[in-house]
Amino acid sequence: MPAQTLLESRLARRIAQKKTRLNAQRPIPRDAVARLREQLTVEWIYNSNAIEGSTLTLRETELILHQGLTIGGKSLREHFEVINHREAITLVESLVRKKRPVTAFQVRQLHQLVLMQIDNENAGQYRRTNVRIAGSAYTPPEAWLVPQQMDQWARWLQTEATALHPIDRAALAHHRLAAIHPFVDGNGRTARLVMNLILLRAGYPPTVILRANRQQYYRVLANADRGNDKPLINFVGRAVERSLNLYLEALTPSTRKPARMNEWIPLREAAQGTPYSQEYLSLLARLGRLEAIKIGRVWHTTRQAVAEYRKTVDI
């Protein structure tokens, strides 16, 4: 019986096809794994910290990670956020190999690494005070309820959630953990680490929520607060597809220029000669109905992707 999913059908189909293609290339050569891990680790750390307000650039993050440099004009906390996140990712990778159920204790272990040397008193400790999330209408549970709700979260993840598609499970586990808001600080980073722990266990590559998509990320989380989970699941699904694309492109020999139909082009160009406007293609991209990627802040797709979409609808 197929796993339940709220993924848009076209997006779900593309992800399944790409994961099958990636699985067919396993075992992936060790040097390729190392390169991809290095690239995605830097992206993961930079974007996750930037979402929470870090002012470090991608290049500065890379210099701290790989050369141990201190960046002038940047706070000590921002440097620790980079180093700590690398340690937390190492723990995630270790937990993936052990294949044990995700527990509330593991969440606390990850959080302890996230806040190490930043706030040692609260690192790995559930909050003891009530909190409000700035700019959100949602109010997290009172502090005394946190241990109980975290145990319930872990039981849900090990029981009901196993019937879900891995992307749905990862997205919902992320949201439910963030909604409990179990820690004074570091909840978002920890929730994204847990999301990737679940995805990696299911055979997907590490998935990065991009800083450029921060406002949309907050919107889909707010929708989930109101009981509408589908936008969040599809948002995470599009991020998963991006990582699958990165892996497949890196593992595919590039010996000739891509065929015209498979070149990534701006939506403005892709709309030419079709029944669709650039704005409509943008909507399809955001919904996951059209295969598309963001290069900078501009959506790109391929003529082939538009043709595939046209096959699925009545023109």
Protein backbone atom coordinates (compact mmCIF):
# COMPACT_ATOMS: atom_id res chain seq x y z
CA MET A 1 0.00 0.00 0.00
CA PRO A 2 1.54 3.40 -1.00
CA ALA A 3 2.44 5.73 1.84
CA GLN A 4 -0.01 8.57 2.45
CA THR A 5 1.13 11.90 1.07
CA LEU A 6 -0.08 15.47 0.68
CA LEU A 7 2.57 16.15 -1.95
CA GLU A 8 1.24 17.62 -5.19
CA SER A 9 0.93 14.65 -7.56
CA ARG A 10 3.32 15.99 -10.21
CA LEU A 11 5.92 16.87 -7.60
CA ALA A 12 5.56 13.47 -5.92
CA ARG A 13 6.01 11.73 -9.27
CA ARG A 14 9.14 13.76 -10.15
CA ILE A 15 10.69 13.11 -6.74
CA ALA A 16 10.01 9.36 -6.99
CA GLN A 17 11.57 9.22 -10.47
CA LYS A 18 14.65 11.16 -9.39
CA LYS A 19 15.12 9.10 -6.24
CA THR A 20 14.92 5.94 -8.37
CA ARG A 21 17.59 7.37 -10.68
CA LEU A 22 19.79 8.24 -7.69
CA ASN A 23 19.32 4.80 -6.12
CA ALA A 24 20.38 3.22 -9.42
CA GLN A 25 23.77 4.95 -9.06
CA ARG A 26 24.46 3.52 -5.61
CA PRO A 27 26.96 2.87 -4.26
CA ILE A 28 27.98 6.42 -5.10
CA PRO A 29 31.77 6.79 -5.52
CA ARG A 30 33.42 7.88 -2.29
CA ASP A 31 35.02 11.01 -3.75
CA ALA A 32 31.67 12.14 -5.17
CA VAL A 33 30.00 11.58 -1.79
CA ALA A 34 32.70 13.67 -0.10
CA ARG A 35 32.29 16.56 -2.58
CA LEU A 36 28.51 16.57 -2.32
CA ARG A 37 28.60 16.32 1.47
CA GLU A 38 31.00 19.26 1.65
CA GLN A 39 28.86 21.40 -0.65
CA LEU A 40 25.55 20.65 1.05
CA THR A 41 26.98 20.93 4.57
CA VAL A 42 28.15 24.49 3.91
CA GLU A 43 24.80 25.37 2.30
CA TRP A 44 22.87 23.73 5.14
CA ILE A 45 24.78 25.57 7.87
CA TYR A 46 24.78 28.94 6.11
CA ASN A 47 21.08 28.93 5.25
CA SER A 48 19.84 27.50 8.56
CA ASN A 49 21.79 30.12 10.53
CA ALA A 50 20.84 32.93 8.12
CA ILE A 51 17.14 32.13 8.56
CA GLU A 52 17.65 32.78 12.28
CA GLY A 53 19.43 36.10 11.70
CA SER A 54 23.13 35.31 11.24
CA THR A 55 24.88 37.95 9.12
CA LEU A 56 27.66 35.64 7.90
CA THR A 57 27.82 35.13 4.14
CA LEU A 58 28.09 31.74 2.45
CA ARG A 59 31.77 32.40 1.74
CA GLU A 60 32.46 33.47 5.33
CA THR A 61 30.71 30.32 6.59
CA GLU A 62 32.94 28.23 4.32
CA LEU A 63 36.11 29.97 5.56
CA ILE A 64 35.17 29.32 9.21
CA LEU A 65 34.41 25.66 8.48
CA HIS A 66 37.34 24.76 6.25
CA GLN A 67 40.10 27.14 7.30
CA GLY A 68 39.18 27.95 10.88
CA LEU A 69 39.36 31.67 10.15
CA THR A 70 37.90 34.37 12.37
CA ILE A 71 35.85 36.84 10.35
CA GLY A 72 36.40 40.46 11.33
CA GLY A 73 33.33 42.39 12.41
CA LYS A 74 31.31 39.22 13.10
CA SER A 75 30.27 38.17 16.59
CA LEU A 76 31.72 35.23 18.50
CA ARG A 77 28.21 33.79 18.68
CA GLU A 78 27.97 33.69 14.88
CA HIS A 79 31.26 31.79 14.71
CA PHE A 80 30.06 29.27 17.29
CA GLU A 81 26.77 28.86 15.40
CA VAL A 82 28.75 27.63 12.39
CA ILE A 83 31.06 25.30 14.33
CA ASN A 84 28.22 23.96 16.47
CA HIS A 85 26.01 23.25 13.49
CA ARG A 86 28.78 21.19 11.90
CA GLU A 87 28.99 19.09 15.09
CA ALA A 88 25.21 18.67 15.12
CA ILE A 89 25.25 17.50 11.47
CA THR A 90 27.94 14.96 12.37
CA LEU A 91 25.62 13.63 15.09
CA VAL A 92 22.73 13.48 12.61
CA GLU A 93 24.89 11.38 10.26
CA SER A 94 25.82 9.09 13.15
CA LEU A 95 22.16 8.64 14.13
CA VAL A 96 21.27 7.84 10.51
CA ARG A 97 23.76 4.96 10.51
CA LYS A 98 22.46 3.58 13.83
CA LYS A 99 18.90 3.40 12.44
CA ARG A 100 17.26 3.74 15.85
CA PRO A 101 13.88 5.46 16.33
CA VAL A 102 14.10 9.24 16.69
CA THR A 103 13.58 10.07 20.36
CA ALA A 104 13.08 13.18 22.48
CA PHE A 105 16.51 12.50 24.02
CA GLN A 106 18.15 12.66 20.59
CA VAL A 107 16.45 16.01 19.98
CA ARG A 108 17.96 17.28 23.22
CA GLN A 109 21.38 15.97 22.18
CA LEU A 110 21.16 17.88 18.91
CA HIS A 111 20.02 21.03 20.69
CA GLN A 112 22.90 20.76 23.16
CA LEU A 113 25.33 20.88 20.24
CA VAL A 114 23.48 23.79 18.59
CA LEU A 115 23.82 25.99 21.71
CA MET A 116 27.20 24.71 22.97
CA GLN A 117 29.36 27.61 24.21
CA ILE A 118 26.57 30.02 23.28
CA ASP A 119 24.21 29.25 26.15
CA ASN A 120 25.55 26.28 28.10
CA GLU A 121 22.92 26.67 30.83
CA ASN A 122 20.04 26.03 28.41
CA ALA A 123 21.80 23.79 25.87
CA GLY A 124 19.88 20.52 25.69
CA GLN A 125 17.46 21.62 28.42
CA TYR A 126 13.74 22.11 27.98
CA ARG A 127 12.60 25.65 28.62
CA ARG A 128 11.30 26.45 32.09
CA THR A 129 9.46 29.62 31.14
CA ASN A 130 6.55 30.40 28.85
CA VAL A 131 7.35 32.02 25.50
CA ARG A 132 5.71 33.88 22.67
CA ILE A 133 6.97 33.80 19.07
CA ALA A 134 7.53 37.32 17.74
CA GLY A 135 5.29 38.12 14.77
CA SER A 136 3.20 34.96 15.17
CA ALA A 137 -0.39 34.55 16.30
CA TYR A 138 0.49 31.08 17.59
CA THR A 139 1.36 30.62 21.27
CA PRO A 140 3.49 27.57 22.20
CA PRO A 141 2.37 25.35 25.13
CA GLU A 142 3.17 26.34 28.67
CA ALA A 143 6.59 25.26 29.91
CA TRP A 144 5.31 22.59 32.29
CA LEU A 145 3.66 20.79 29.33
CA VAL A 146 6.83 20.58 27.23
CA PRO A 147 8.26 17.24 28.54
CA GLN A 148 4.89 15.52 28.12
CA GLN A 149 4.35 16.94 24.63
CA MET A 150 7.85 15.96 23.54
CA ASP A 151 7.19 12.38 24.63
CA GLN A 152 3.92 12.45 22.68
CA TRP A 153 5.77 13.85 19.66
CA ALA A 154 8.26 10.96 19.76
CA ARG A 155 5.47 8.36 20.13
CA TRP A 156 3.60 9.86 17.17
CA LEU A 157 6.79 9.75 15.09
CA GLN A 158 7.34 6.07 15.94
CA THR A 159 3.70 4.99 15.41
CA GLU A 160 1.14 6.93 13.33
CA ALA A 161 3.75 8.84 11.34
CA THR A 162 5.30 5.64 9.97
CA ALA A 163 2.31 5.31 7.60
CA LEU A 164 3.17 8.65 5.99
CA HIS A 165 5.38 9.35 2.99
CA PRO A 166 8.89 10.18 4.35
CA ILE A 167 8.66 13.79 3.10
CA ASP A 168 5.29 14.29 4.82
CA ARG A 169 6.69 12.67 7.97
CA ALA A 170 9.80 14.88 7.96
CA ALA A 171 7.85 18.09 7.30
CA LEU A 172 5.22 17.37 9.96
CA ALA A 173 7.82 16.27 12.51
CA HIS A 174 9.62 19.57 11.89
CA HIS A 175 6.43 21.59 12.35
CA ARG A 176 5.20 19.73 15.43
CA LEU A 177 8.59 20.08 17.09
CA ALA A 178 8.78 23.79 16.27
CA ALA A 179 5.21 24.25 17.54
CA ILE A 180 6.10 22.74 20.91
CA HIS A 181 9.03 25.19 20.94
CA PRO A 182 10.74 23.06 23.61
CA PHE A 183 13.81 25.26 24.04
CA VAL A 184 14.49 28.88 24.92
CA ASP A 185 16.52 29.30 21.72
CA GLY A 186 17.64 27.19 18.77
CA ASN A 187 14.27 25.59 18.02
CA GLY A 188 14.32 26.27 14.27
CA ARG A 189 17.84 24.94 13.75
CA THR A 190 17.04 21.84 15.79
CA ALA A 191 13.78 21.20 13.92
CA ARG A 192 15.58 21.40 10.56
CA LEU A 193 18.25 18.97 11.81
CA VAL A 194 15.53 16.52 12.83
CA MET A 195 13.80 16.97 9.48
CA ASN A 196 17.01 15.97 7.72
CA LEU A 197 17.60 13.05 10.07
CA ILE A 198 14.25 11.62 8.93
CA LEU A 199 14.90 12.34 5.24
CA LEU A 200 18.42 10.87 5.31
CA ARG A 201 17.11 7.70 6.93
CA ALA A 202 14.65 7.38 4.05
CA GLY A 203 17.46 7.60 1.49
CA TYR A 204 17.07 11.24 0.44
CA PRO A 205 20.03 13.64 0.27
CA PRO A 206 20.36 16.44 2.85
CA THR A 207 17.70 19.06 2.19
CA VAL A 208 18.32 22.79 2.60
CA ILE A 209 15.68 25.42 3.36
CA LEU A 210 17.11 28.43 1.57
CA ARG A 211 17.45 31.84 3.22
CA ALA A 212 15.98 33.37 0.04
CA ASN A 213 12.76 31.45 0.76
CA ARG A 214 12.56 32.53 4.40
CA GLN A 215 9.30 34.49 4.13
CA GLN A 216 7.56 31.65 2.28
CA TYR A 217 8.93 29.23 4.89
CA TYR A 218 7.37 31.29 7.67
CA ARG A 219 4.07 31.45 5.78
CA VAL A 220 3.79 27.70 5.29
CA LEU A 221 4.66 27.13 8.97
CA ALA A 222 1.91 29.61 9.93
CA ASN A 223 -0.51 27.71 7.69
CA ALA A 224 0.44 24.49 9.49
CA ASP A 225 -0.21 26.24 12.83
CA ARG A 226 -3.78 26.70 11.57
CA GLY A 227 -4.10 23.06 10.57
CA ASN A 228 -3.27 23.36 6.86
CA ASP A 229 -0.24 21.09 6.41
CA LYS A 230 -0.21 20.78 2.62
CA PRO A 231 1.71 24.02 1.82
CA LEU A 232 4.49 23.05 4.25
CA ILE A 233 4.78 19.51 2.90
CA ASN A 234 5.01 20.76 -0.68
CA PHE A 235 7.51 23.45 0.34
CA VAL A 236 9.74 20.77 1.87
CA GLY A 237 9.11 18.55 -1.17
CA ARG A 238 10.44 21.23 -3.51
CA ALA A 239 13.55 21.56 -1.34
CA VAL A 240 14.00 17.77 -1.50
CA GLU A 241 13.71 17.90 -5.30
CA ARG A 242 16.41 20.60 -5.42
CA SER A 243 18.82 18.36 -3.48
CA LEU A 244 18.02 15.39 -5.72
CA ASN A 245 18.78 17.62 -8.73
CA LEU A 246 22.14 18.62 -7.22
CA TYR A 247 23.10 15.00 -6.64
CA LEU A 248 22.00 13.82 -10.07
CA GLU A 249 23.74 16.70 -11.85
CA ALA A 250 26.95 16.04 -9.93
CA LEU A 251 26.85 12.33 -10.78
CA THR A 252 25.97 12.76 -14.47
CA PRO A 253 28.99 13.22 -16.78
CA SER A 254 28.81 16.57 -18.60
CA THR A 255 30.41 15.94 -21.98
CA ARG A 256 28.23 18.12 -24.14
CA LYS A 257 25.94 21.12 -23.94
CA PRO A 258 22.41 20.23 -22.73
CA ALA A 259 19.76 19.88 -25.41
CA ARG A 260 17.76 23.07 -25.96
CA MET A 261 14.67 21.48 -24.34
CA ASN A 262 16.63 20.72 -21.16
CA GLU A 263 18.37 24.08 -20.64
CA TRP A 264 17.37 26.02 -17.50
CA ILE A 265 15.85 29.31 -18.65
CA PRO A 266 13.98 32.14 -16.85
CA LEU A 267 10.20 31.77 -16.71
CA ARG A 268 9.86 34.84 -18.89
CA GLU A 269 11.61 33.00 -21.71
CA ALA A 270 9.88 29.68 -20.98
CA ALA A 271 6.45 31.31 -21.32
CA GLN A 272 7.11 32.33 -24.91
CA GLY A 273 5.10 30.29 -27.41
CA THR A 274 2.95 28.69 -24.69
CA PRO A 275 -0.58 29.45 -23.42
CA TYR A 276 0.91 30.55 -20.10
CA SER A 277 2.12 33.86 -18.73
CA GLN A 278 5.30 34.25 -16.71
CA GLU A 279 3.14 34.90 -13.64
CA TYR A 280 1.18 31.67 -14.13
CA LEU A 281 4.37 29.65 -14.54
CA SER A 282 5.64 31.27 -11.34
CA LEU A 283 2.50 30.12 -9.53
CA LEU A 284 2.96 26.58 -10.88
CA ALA A 285 6.59 26.60 -9.73
CA ARG A 286 5.66 27.72 -6.21
CA LEU A 287 3.00 25.00 -5.99
CA GLY A 288 5.38 22.32 -7.20
CA ARG A 289 3.31 21.58 -10.28
CA LEU A 290 6.06 22.73 -12.62
CA GLU A 291 9.64 21.58 -12.23
CA ALA A 292 11.61 24.74 -11.52
CA ILE A 293 14.59 26.02 -9.57
CA LYS A 294 15.53 29.39 -8.15
CA ILE A 295 18.81 30.83 -9.37
CA GLY A 296 19.33 33.79 -7.10
CA ARG A 297 15.81 35.16 -6.77
CA VAL A 298 14.68 34.26 -10.29
CA TRP A 299 12.70 31.12 -11.06
CA HIS A 300 14.06 29.01 -13.93
CA THR A 301 12.51 26.02 -15.68
CA THR A 302 13.09 24.06 -18.88
CA ARG A 303 11.06 23.87 -22.07
CA GLN A 304 10.80 20.14 -21.42
CA ALA A 305 9.27 20.76 -17.98
CA VAL A 306 6.66 23.09 -19.48
CA ALA A 307 5.89 20.49 -22.15
CA GLU A 308 5.51 17.80 -19.48
CA TYR A 309 3.13 20.02 -17.54
CA ARG A 310 1.05 20.68 -20.68
CA LYS A 311 0.63 16.93 -21.16
CA THR A 312 -1.05 16.67 -17.74
CA VAL A 313 -3.73 19.31 -18.34
CA ASP A 314 -6.34 20.12 -20.95
CA ILE A 315 -5.12 22.97 -23.08
